[in-house]
Amino acid sequence: LESAAQKARMAENAWNTKDPDKVSLAYTEDSFWRNRSEFIHGRAEILDFLKRKWAKELEYKLIKEVWAASGNHIAVRFQYEWHDDSGNYFRSHGNENWEFSEAGLMRRREASINDVLIKPEDRLFTWGEGPRPDDFPGLTELGL
């Protein structure tokens, strides 16, 4: 469980950089994703997906929390806040199932995500750019 929590925090930190090149390197060359209703095959498609994602989801801030872990599988729940180019704010709620290769790279990612419209004043993820500070509360501590 401790190793799973470390992997989840490393993934959270990487995604909060919003650097598609850096994030894509955590996945195998032949990685398979289901993200919402999109099916993504391989690191090149992951890279394209991440570029599109962060061009649309502005001021993206993510928090992940391990739900369960067994062997090379980890289940996480997550939420992230962002806004679109029209100034609409969202909190996206999701669950991911991860499978890792023997080399420790993620080989499979299954993500189910729902977006909820929120008011700007209801945002909870208020740290600056980059990874969430170590002393910033997680999902459970925020009551989410």
Protein backbone atom coordinates (compact mmCIF):
# COMPACT_ATOMS: atom_id res chain seq x y z
CA LEU A 1 0.00 0.00 0.00
CA GLU A 2 2.89 2.36 0.76
CA SER A 3 4.40 1.74 -2.69
CA ALA A 4 0.97 2.32 -4.30
CA ALA A 5 0.60 5.62 -2.43
CA GLN A 6 4.04 6.68 -3.66
CA LYS A 7 3.13 5.82 -7.26
CA ALA A 8 -0.15 7.74 -6.98
CA ARG A 9 1.61 10.82 -5.58
CA MET A 10 4.31 10.64 -8.27
CA ALA A 11 1.59 10.44 -10.94
CA GLU A 12 -0.29 13.36 -9.34
CA ASN A 13 2.88 15.46 -9.20
CA ALA A 14 3.76 14.69 -12.81
CA TRP A 15 0.25 15.47 -14.10
CA ASN A 16 0.24 18.75 -12.16
CA THR A 17 3.29 19.88 -14.18
CA LYS A 18 1.04 19.75 -17.27
CA ASP A 19 4.13 18.66 -19.24
CA PRO A 20 2.90 16.10 -21.80
CA ASP A 21 6.43 14.95 -22.67
CA LYS A 22 7.32 14.25 -19.03
CA VAL A 23 3.99 12.59 -18.18
CA SER A 24 3.98 10.33 -21.25
CA LEU A 25 7.29 8.73 -20.20
CA ALA A 26 5.55 7.00 -17.25
CA TYR A 27 3.67 4.76 -19.70
CA THR A 28 4.88 1.81 -21.77
CA GLU A 29 5.37 2.35 -25.50
CA ASP A 30 2.36 0.10 -26.12
CA SER A 31 0.25 1.37 -23.22
CA PHE A 32 -3.54 1.18 -23.56
CA TRP A 33 -5.88 3.77 -22.09
CA ARG A 34 -9.60 4.21 -21.84
CA ASN A 35 -10.20 7.81 -20.85
CA ARG A 36 -13.92 8.53 -20.59
CA SER A 37 -15.15 7.32 -24.01
CA GLU A 38 -11.79 7.69 -25.77
CA PHE A 39 -9.52 4.70 -26.46
CA ILE A 40 -5.83 5.51 -26.70
CA HIS A 41 -3.09 3.15 -27.88
CA GLY A 42 0.61 3.79 -27.34
CA ARG A 43 2.77 6.56 -25.98
CA ALA A 44 2.48 8.74 -29.12
CA GLU A 45 -1.34 8.85 -28.80
CA ILE A 46 -0.98 9.51 -25.05
CA LEU A 47 1.24 12.49 -25.84
CA ASP A 48 -1.31 13.88 -28.34
CA PHE A 49 -4.13 13.33 -25.84
CA LEU A 50 -2.30 15.18 -23.05
CA LYS A 51 -1.52 18.15 -25.32
CA ARG A 52 -5.23 18.44 -26.24
CA LYS A 53 -6.29 17.99 -22.62
CA TRP A 54 -4.18 20.78 -21.16
CA ALA A 55 -4.95 23.15 -24.03
CA LYS A 56 -8.64 22.82 -23.04
CA GLU A 57 -8.46 22.31 -19.25
CA LEU A 58 -6.87 25.55 -18.06
CA GLU A 59 -5.36 26.02 -14.57
CA TYR A 60 -5.62 22.25 -14.11
CA LYS A 61 -4.96 21.05 -10.54
CA LEU A 62 -5.23 17.37 -9.57
CA ILE A 63 -5.36 15.34 -6.35
CA LYS A 64 -5.18 11.50 -6.38
CA GLU A 65 -5.81 9.03 -3.57
CA VAL A 66 -5.24 5.26 -3.55
CA TRP A 67 -8.42 3.24 -3.22
CA ALA A 68 -6.93 -0.28 -3.41
CA ALA A 69 -3.76 -2.07 -4.48
CA SER A 70 -2.80 -5.66 -5.24
CA GLY A 71 0.31 -6.88 -7.03
CA ASN A 72 0.84 -4.79 -10.16
CA HIS A 73 -2.67 -3.25 -10.01
CA ILE A 74 -3.67 0.00 -8.29
CA ALA A 75 -7.10 1.64 -8.11
CA VAL A 76 -7.21 5.37 -7.40
CA ARG A 77 -9.88 7.99 -7.02
CA PHE A 78 -9.12 11.53 -8.06
CA GLN A 79 -10.53 14.97 -8.52
CA TYR A 80 -9.21 17.90 -10.47
CA GLU A 81 -10.29 21.48 -10.96
CA TRP A 82 -9.97 23.49 -14.14
CA HIS A 83 -11.71 26.06 -16.27
CA ASP A 84 -12.41 26.38 -19.96
CA ASP A 85 -11.62 29.34 -22.19
CA SER A 86 -15.11 30.78 -21.51
CA GLY A 87 -14.46 31.04 -17.76
CA ASN A 88 -16.60 28.06 -16.72
CA TYR A 89 -15.07 26.23 -13.73
CA PHE A 90 -15.32 22.49 -13.17
CA ARG A 91 -14.41 19.87 -10.63
CA SER A 92 -13.89 16.55 -12.38
CA HIS A 93 -14.42 13.39 -10.31
CA GLY A 94 -12.96 10.09 -11.39
CA ASN A 95 -11.67 6.62 -10.76
CA GLU A 96 -8.74 4.95 -12.46
CA ASN A 97 -7.56 1.36 -12.61
CA TRP A 98 -3.85 0.97 -13.34
CA GLU A 99 -1.77 -2.01 -14.41
CA PHE A 100 2.03 -1.83 -14.34
CA SER A 101 4.68 -3.62 -16.37
CA GLU A 102 7.57 -5.51 -14.79
CA ALA A 103 9.71 -2.38 -15.42
CA GLY A 104 7.33 -0.27 -13.31
CA LEU A 105 5.78 1.68 -16.20
CA MET A 106 2.01 1.89 -16.52
CA ARG A 107 0.81 -0.47 -19.21
CA ARG A 108 -2.94 0.05 -18.84
CA ARG A 109 -5.09 2.92 -17.56
CA GLU A 110 -8.89 2.76 -17.37
CA ALA A 111 -10.45 6.10 -16.33
CA SER A 112 -14.09 6.98 -15.67
CA ILE A 113 -14.59 10.73 -15.17
CA ASN A 114 -17.52 13.10 -14.62
CA ASP A 115 -17.33 16.90 -14.78
CA VAL A 116 -19.34 19.03 -12.37
CA LEU A 117 -19.79 22.76 -13.01
CA ILE A 118 -18.71 24.80 -9.97
CA LYS A 119 -18.61 28.49 -9.09
CA PRO A 120 -15.13 30.04 -9.05
CA GLU A 121 -15.52 30.76 -5.34
CA ASP A 122 -16.15 27.04 -4.68
CA ARG A 123 -12.70 25.98 -5.87
CA LEU A 124 -10.75 24.08 -3.22
CA PHE A 125 -7.48 23.36 -5.03
CA THR A 126 -5.89 26.73 -4.34
CA TRP A 127 -2.14 26.15 -4.40
CA GLY A 128 -0.01 27.86 -7.07
CA GLU A 129 1.28 26.27 -10.25
CA GLY A 130 2.98 22.87 -10.18
CA PRO A 131 2.64 19.93 -7.82
CA ARG A 132 0.46 20.10 -4.71
CA PRO A 133 2.56 21.12 -1.69
CA ASP A 134 3.18 18.36 0.87
CA ASP A 135 1.24 20.28 3.53
CA PHE A 136 -1.83 20.86 1.29
CA PRO A 137 -4.72 18.54 2.27
CA GLY A 138 -5.69 15.52 0.19
CA LEU A 139 -9.18 14.54 -0.93
CA THR A 140 -10.20 12.92 2.35
CA GLU A 141 -8.94 15.88 4.39
CA LEU A 142 -10.87 18.26 2.13
CA GLY A 143 -14.05 16.25 2.71
CA LEU A 144 -14.28 15.15 -0.94
